[in-house]
């Protein structure tokens, strides 16, 4: 894999990143973003300057073809060797006996098989990392107490207004959290881009259930095991970005994330030497900065 980058400008940081992704034809998870210059509004349009970002991505190198390796061996002075052999006592059988092993060395299929294996072997680990095994989260026991009934009633009505007929199932885990699983069709519309719709449904449900109550409960809403898949995706992103920070010794700013997603990034990199993380900005545009730890000489 070869690491490349492009520098793109835009009125805002997000606009510059979106422009770079459109040029590369990649998703946000496939790249890392470094803000080189932040946008400045200026005063009455004077002194304004666009934002400038550097988008780093990886390109898979094409395997080198084996055909060019045969080129140096082609111009062999065969005729000259025959003339020398004729000058020495001309043993006709001896040259033929020496040429047979040379032909047999080129014919065995093992050599071609080994070359193919050398090209194919590196691809296997990458494929295994790209599709990690996602195990369903432990849901706990099915629950139908007063709070569970409130959750079911609120979500059923909300989903009806959204035109979705998903079923609501409520569980209570050992930590006392209510886990809600939405099952049915067209769940992608309930999840939304990067789980934004699902987060909004969860926030509304928590507000509705805890409104006017003395004891606050936590409600966790999920669909198609999205939460665990997103967590594993963020962990892979954190490790990839940390490797780039250590390689280039430059800080990388991630996209805006909610509090839980920022917590996943911080936790994934808390034991990585030479890297430190911190958050900057205000919600909903608060971002995680993966920074090179200059005090740790590697």
Protein backbone atom coordinates (compact mmCIF):
# COMPACT_ATOMS: atom_id res chain seq x y z
CA UNK A 1 0.00 0.00 0.00
CA UNK A 2 1.24 3.50 -0.88
CA UNK A 3 0.22 6.56 1.16
CA UNK A 4 -0.70 9.70 -0.83
CA UNK A 5 -2.33 13.02 -0.02
CA UNK A 6 -3.95 16.02 -1.66
CA UNK A 7 -4.35 19.59 -0.40
CA UNK A 8 -7.78 21.15 -0.99
CA UNK A 9 -9.23 24.55 -0.10
CA UNK A 10 -12.82 25.57 0.60
CA UNK A 11 -14.92 28.21 2.32
CA UNK A 12 -15.04 25.98 5.41
CA UNK A 13 -13.12 22.92 6.63
CA UNK A 14 -16.11 20.65 5.96
CA UNK A 15 -16.54 22.01 2.43
CA UNK A 16 -12.85 21.41 1.69
CA UNK A 17 -13.05 17.83 3.00
CA UNK A 18 -16.21 17.16 0.98
CA UNK A 19 -14.49 18.48 -2.15
CA UNK A 20 -11.48 16.21 -1.58
CA UNK A 21 -13.68 13.14 -1.05
CA UNK A 22 -15.56 13.93 -4.26
CA UNK A 23 -12.28 14.17 -6.20
CA UNK A 24 -10.95 10.91 -4.76
CA UNK A 25 -14.24 9.00 -4.85
CA UNK A 26 -13.65 7.78 -1.27
CA UNK A 27 -15.66 7.71 1.96
CA UNK A 28 -14.75 9.66 5.09
CA UNK A 29 -13.60 6.48 6.90
CA UNK A 30 -11.07 5.75 4.13
CA UNK A 31 -9.05 8.93 4.69
CA UNK A 32 -7.50 11.03 7.44
CA UNK A 33 -7.80 14.81 7.49
CA UNK A 34 -5.28 17.37 8.68
CA UNK A 35 -6.34 21.00 8.88
CA UNK A 36 -3.51 23.13 7.48
CA UNK A 37 -5.27 26.50 7.60
CA UNK A 38 -8.59 27.36 9.20
CA UNK A 39 -11.08 29.60 7.39
CA UNK A 40 -11.07 33.27 8.33
CA UNK A 41 -14.14 35.46 7.82
CA UNK A 42 -12.26 38.74 8.04
CA UNK A 43 -13.91 42.07 8.69
CA UNK A 44 -16.46 43.21 6.13
CA UNK A 45 -14.95 40.73 3.70
CA UNK A 46 -11.43 42.15 4.15
CA UNK A 47 -8.77 39.69 5.17
CA UNK A 48 -10.97 36.65 4.60
CA UNK A 49 -9.19 33.45 3.62
CA UNK A 50 -10.42 29.95 2.76
CA UNK A 51 -9.77 26.82 4.77
CA UNK A 52 -7.04 24.47 3.59
CA UNK A 53 -6.95 20.77 4.49
CA UNK A 54 -4.69 17.85 3.67
CA UNK A 55 -6.48 14.56 2.96
CA UNK A 56 -4.30 11.47 3.24
CA UNK A 57 -5.34 8.16 1.65
CA UNK A 58 -3.83 4.82 0.69
CA UNK A 59 -3.49 3.34 -2.79
CA UNK A 60 -2.94 -0.35 -3.38
CA UNK A 61 0.09 -1.03 -5.57
CA UNK A 62 -0.35 -3.26 -8.60
CA UNK A 63 1.67 -6.50 -8.52
CA UNK A 64 4.80 -6.44 -10.65
CA UNK A 65 4.48 -8.67 -13.70
CA UNK A 66 7.02 -11.44 -14.07
CA UNK A 67 7.33 -11.05 -17.87
CA UNK A 68 10.04 -8.34 -17.80
CA UNK A 69 12.29 -10.64 -15.78
CA UNK A 70 12.76 -12.85 -18.85
CA UNK A 71 14.04 -9.99 -21.01
CA UNK A 72 17.69 -10.00 -19.81
CA UNK A 73 17.94 -13.74 -20.51
CA UNK A 74 16.73 -13.43 -24.13
CA UNK A 75 19.87 -12.15 -25.92
CA UNK A 76 22.03 -15.21 -25.22
CA UNK A 77 24.99 -15.70 -27.58
CA UNK A 78 23.87 -19.20 -28.50
CA UNK A 79 25.65 -19.26 -31.85
CA UNK A 80 28.99 -18.31 -30.33
CA UNK A 81 28.75 -21.11 -27.75
CA UNK A 82 28.14 -23.63 -30.50
CA UNK A 83 31.18 -22.41 -32.41
CA UNK A 84 33.39 -22.81 -29.34
CA UNK A 85 32.12 -26.33 -28.72
CA UNK A 86 32.83 -27.32 -32.30
CA UNK A 87 36.38 -26.10 -32.00
CA UNK A 88 37.05 -28.38 -29.02
CA UNK A 89 36.73 -32.07 -30.19
CA UNK A 90 33.03 -31.48 -31.14
CA UNK A 91 31.31 -33.94 -28.77
CA UNK A 92 27.76 -33.80 -30.16
CA UNK A 93 26.13 -35.68 -27.29
CA UNK A 94 27.63 -33.53 -24.53
CA UNK A 95 25.99 -30.20 -25.48
CA UNK A 96 22.58 -31.88 -25.73
CA UNK A 97 22.95 -33.41 -22.30
CA UNK A 98 23.80 -29.99 -20.81
CA UNK A 99 20.83 -28.24 -22.44
CA UNK A 100 18.17 -30.66 -21.11
CA UNK A 101 18.53 -29.61 -17.46
CA UNK A 102 18.20 -25.94 -18.50
CA UNK A 103 14.85 -26.65 -20.23
CA UNK A 104 13.59 -28.75 -17.34
CA UNK A 105 14.29 -25.93 -14.88
CA UNK A 106 11.99 -23.58 -16.81
CA UNK A 107 9.10 -26.05 -17.14
CA UNK A 108 8.28 -27.09 -13.52
CA UNK A 109 5.03 -25.42 -12.45
CA UNK A 110 6.33 -24.96 -8.91
CA UNK A 111 8.19 -21.79 -9.81
CA UNK A 112 5.06 -20.15 -11.23
CA UNK A 113 3.03 -21.30 -8.26
CA UNK A 114 5.48 -19.74 -5.82
CA UNK A 115 5.42 -16.42 -7.63
CA UNK A 116 1.62 -16.32 -7.56
CA UNK A 117 1.58 -17.15 -3.87
CA UNK A 118 3.98 -14.30 -3.13
CA UNK A 119 1.57 -11.83 -4.71
CA UNK A 120 -1.62 -13.27 -3.24
CA UNK A 121 -0.51 -13.84 0.36
CA UNK A 122 -0.43 -10.16 1.45
CA UNK A 123 -4.03 -9.70 0.30
CA UNK A 124 -5.39 -12.30 2.72
CA UNK A 125 -4.71 -10.43 6.01
CA UNK A 126 -6.11 -7.18 4.57
CA UNK A 127 -9.33 -8.91 3.59
CA UNK A 128 -9.61 -10.40 7.08
CA UNK A 129 -9.18 -6.97 8.71
CA UNK A 130 -11.61 -5.28 6.30
CA UNK A 131 -14.47 -7.61 7.33
CA UNK A 132 -14.17 -8.18 11.10
CA UNK A 133 -16.49 -10.60 12.82
CA UNK A 134 -19.28 -8.66 14.48
CA UNK A 135 -20.91 -10.51 17.34
CA UNK A 136 -24.34 -9.43 18.58
CA UNK A 137 -24.21 -7.49 21.84
CA UNK A 138 -25.57 -9.07 25.01
CA UNK A 139 -29.12 -7.78 25.35
CA UNK A 140 -30.05 -9.03 28.78
CA UNK A 141 -33.53 -10.20 29.78
CA UNK A 142 -36.75 -9.20 27.97
CA UNK A 143 -38.49 -6.51 30.01
CA UNK A 144 -42.11 -5.34 30.27
CA UNK A 145 -42.13 -3.16 33.38
CA UNK A 146 -43.63 0.33 33.57
CA UNK A 147 -40.61 2.07 31.98
CA UNK A 148 -40.40 -0.57 29.24
CA UNK A 149 -44.08 0.02 28.44
CA UNK A 150 -43.46 3.79 28.26
CA UNK A 151 -40.52 3.21 25.90
CA UNK A 152 -42.57 0.90 23.68
CA UNK A 153 -45.55 3.26 23.54
CA UNK A 154 -43.42 6.32 22.70
CA UNK A 155 -41.33 4.59 20.03
CA UNK A 156 -44.34 2.91 18.42
CA UNK A 157 -46.04 6.27 18.02
CA UNK A 158 -42.85 7.94 16.78
CA UNK A 159 -42.23 5.24 14.18
CA UNK A 160 -45.83 5.52 12.95
CA UNK A 161 -45.32 9.24 12.35
CA UNK A 162 -42.14 8.37 10.45
CA UNK A 163 -44.02 5.89 8.28
CA UNK A 164 -42.07 2.89 9.55
CA UNK A 165 -43.59 -0.32 10.91
CA UNK A 166 -40.54 -1.60 12.79
CA UNK A 167 -41.20 -3.66 15.92
CA UNK A 168 -39.91 -2.44 19.30
CA UNK A 169 -38.32 -4.96 21.68
CA UNK A 170 -37.08 -3.86 25.11
CA UNK A 171 -34.45 -5.62 27.24
CA UNK A 172 -32.93 -4.81 30.64
CA UNK A 173 -29.18 -5.48 31.01
CA UNK A 174 -27.37 -6.24 34.29
CA UNK A 175 -26.28 -2.58 34.60
CA UNK A 176 -29.88 -1.38 34.65
CA UNK A 177 -29.94 0.07 31.13
CA UNK A 178 -32.93 -0.41 28.85
CA UNK A 179 -31.77 -1.73 25.50
CA UNK A 180 -34.21 -1.24 22.67
CA UNK A 181 -33.88 -3.25 19.46
CA UNK A 182 -35.78 -2.14 16.36
CA UNK A 183 -36.63 -5.01 14.03
CA UNK A 184 -38.28 -4.97 10.62
CA UNK A 185 -37.79 -3.55 7.13
CA UNK A 186 -36.27 -0.25 5.92
CA UNK A 187 -34.15 0.04 9.06
CA UNK A 188 -31.52 1.96 7.11
CA UNK A 189 -33.82 4.99 7.14
CA UNK A 190 -34.02 4.74 10.95
CA UNK A 191 -30.23 4.55 11.27
CA UNK A 192 -29.39 7.43 8.93
CA UNK A 193 -25.99 8.72 7.86
CA UNK A 194 -23.42 7.61 10.42
CA UNK A 195 -26.27 6.81 12.84
CA UNK A 196 -27.50 10.42 13.09
CA UNK A 197 -31.20 9.46 12.86
CA UNK A 198 -30.74 6.60 15.34
CA UNK A 199 -29.01 8.98 17.78
CA UNK A 200 -31.89 11.44 17.46
CA UNK A 201 -34.46 8.68 18.14
CA UNK A 202 -32.46 7.58 21.21
CA UNK A 203 -32.23 11.14 22.51
CA UNK A 204 -35.96 11.76 22.10
CA UNK A 205 -36.77 8.46 23.80
CA UNK A 206 -34.56 9.28 26.81
CA UNK A 207 -36.16 12.72 27.10
CA UNK A 208 -39.70 11.34 26.90
CA UNK A 209 -39.18 8.52 29.40
CA UNK A 210 -37.29 10.60 31.97
CA UNK A 211 -39.50 13.71 31.74
CA UNK A 212 -41.00 14.42 35.19
CA UNK A 213 -39.50 11.29 36.74
CA UNK A 214 -37.53 11.25 39.98
CA UNK A 215 -35.16 8.44 39.01
CA UNK A 216 -33.45 8.80 35.66
CA UNK A 217 -33.02 5.71 33.47
CA UNK A 218 -30.78 5.21 30.45
CA UNK A 219 -32.25 4.01 27.17
CA UNK A 220 -30.03 2.55 24.45
CA UNK A 221 -31.64 2.24 20.98
CA UNK A 222 -30.09 0.06 18.26
CA UNK A 223 -31.00 -1.47 14.89
CA UNK A 224 -29.22 -4.15 12.83
CA UNK A 225 -26.43 -4.22 15.44
CA UNK A 226 -25.30 -0.82 14.15
CA UNK A 227 -23.78 0.38 17.44
CA UNK A 228 -21.23 -2.44 17.64
CA UNK A 229 -20.36 -2.17 13.94
CA UNK A 230 -19.79 1.58 14.31
CA UNK A 231 -17.64 1.07 17.40
CA UNK A 232 -15.39 -1.41 15.61
CA UNK A 233 -15.16 0.92 12.60
CA UNK A 234 -14.01 3.76 14.88
CA UNK A 235 -11.43 1.52 16.54
CA UNK A 236 -9.94 0.62 13.15
CA UNK A 237 -9.94 4.29 12.16
CA UNK A 238 -8.16 5.23 15.40
CA UNK A 239 -5.39 2.67 14.85
CA UNK A 240 -4.94 3.74 11.23
CA UNK A 241 -4.72 7.43 12.12
CA UNK A 242 -2.32 6.74 15.01
CA UNK A 243 0.03 4.91 12.64
CA UNK A 244 0.07 7.91 10.30
CA UNK A 245 0.68 10.33 13.17
CA UNK A 246 3.69 8.30 14.31
CA UNK A 247 5.01 7.98 10.75
CA UNK A 248 4.72 11.64 9.71
CA UNK A 249 4.85 13.18 13.22
CA UNK A 250 1.94 15.49 12.43
CA UNK A 251 -1.39 15.90 14.17
CA UNK A 252 -4.60 14.69 12.53
CA UNK A 253 -8.05 16.17 13.16
CA UNK A 254 -10.98 13.75 12.87
CA UNK A 255 -14.51 14.55 11.76
CA UNK A 256 -17.09 15.85 14.28
CA UNK A 257 -18.35 13.10 16.59
CA UNK A 258 -20.77 12.76 19.44
CA UNK A 259 -19.60 12.18 23.00
CA UNK A 260 -19.80 8.39 22.80
CA UNK A 261 -17.84 8.15 19.54
CA UNK A 262 -15.16 10.49 20.91
CA UNK A 263 -14.92 8.24 23.96
CA UNK A 264 -14.31 5.22 21.68
CA UNK A 265 -11.40 7.01 19.96
CA UNK A 266 -9.83 8.12 23.26
CA UNK A 267 -10.12 4.62 24.72
CA UNK A 268 -8.69 2.92 21.61
CA UNK A 269 -5.53 5.07 21.69
CA UNK A 270 -4.98 5.57 25.42
CA UNK A 271 -2.21 2.92 25.55
CA UNK A 272 -0.50 3.78 22.24
CA UNK A 273 2.98 5.17 22.92
CA UNK A 274 3.94 8.37 21.14
CA UNK A 275 0.31 9.42 20.58
CA UNK A 276 -2.04 11.54 22.65
CA UNK A 277 -5.67 12.54 22.03
CA UNK A 278 -7.82 15.49 23.06
CA UNK A 279 -11.08 17.11 21.94
CA UNK A 280 -11.61 20.60 20.55
CA UNK A 281 -14.66 22.67 19.65
CA UNK A 282 -18.27 22.63 20.80
CA UNK A 283 -21.07 20.18 20.02
CA UNK A 284 -22.24 19.23 17.46
CA UNK A 285 -18.91 20.13 15.81
CA UNK A 286 -16.61 18.89 18.57
CA UNK A 287 -13.69 16.90 17.11
CA UNK A 288 -10.95 14.58 18.34
CA UNK A 289 -7.33 15.58 17.69
CA UNK A 290 -4.85 12.69 17.41
CA UNK A 291 -1.52 14.37 18.21
CA UNK A 292 2.10 13.32 18.07
CA UNK A 293 3.61 13.22 21.56
CA UNK A 294 6.89 15.10 21.14
CA UNK A 295 7.95 14.24 24.67
CA UNK A 296 8.11 10.56 23.74
CA UNK A 297 11.21 10.01 21.62
CA UNK A 298 10.68 6.91 19.56
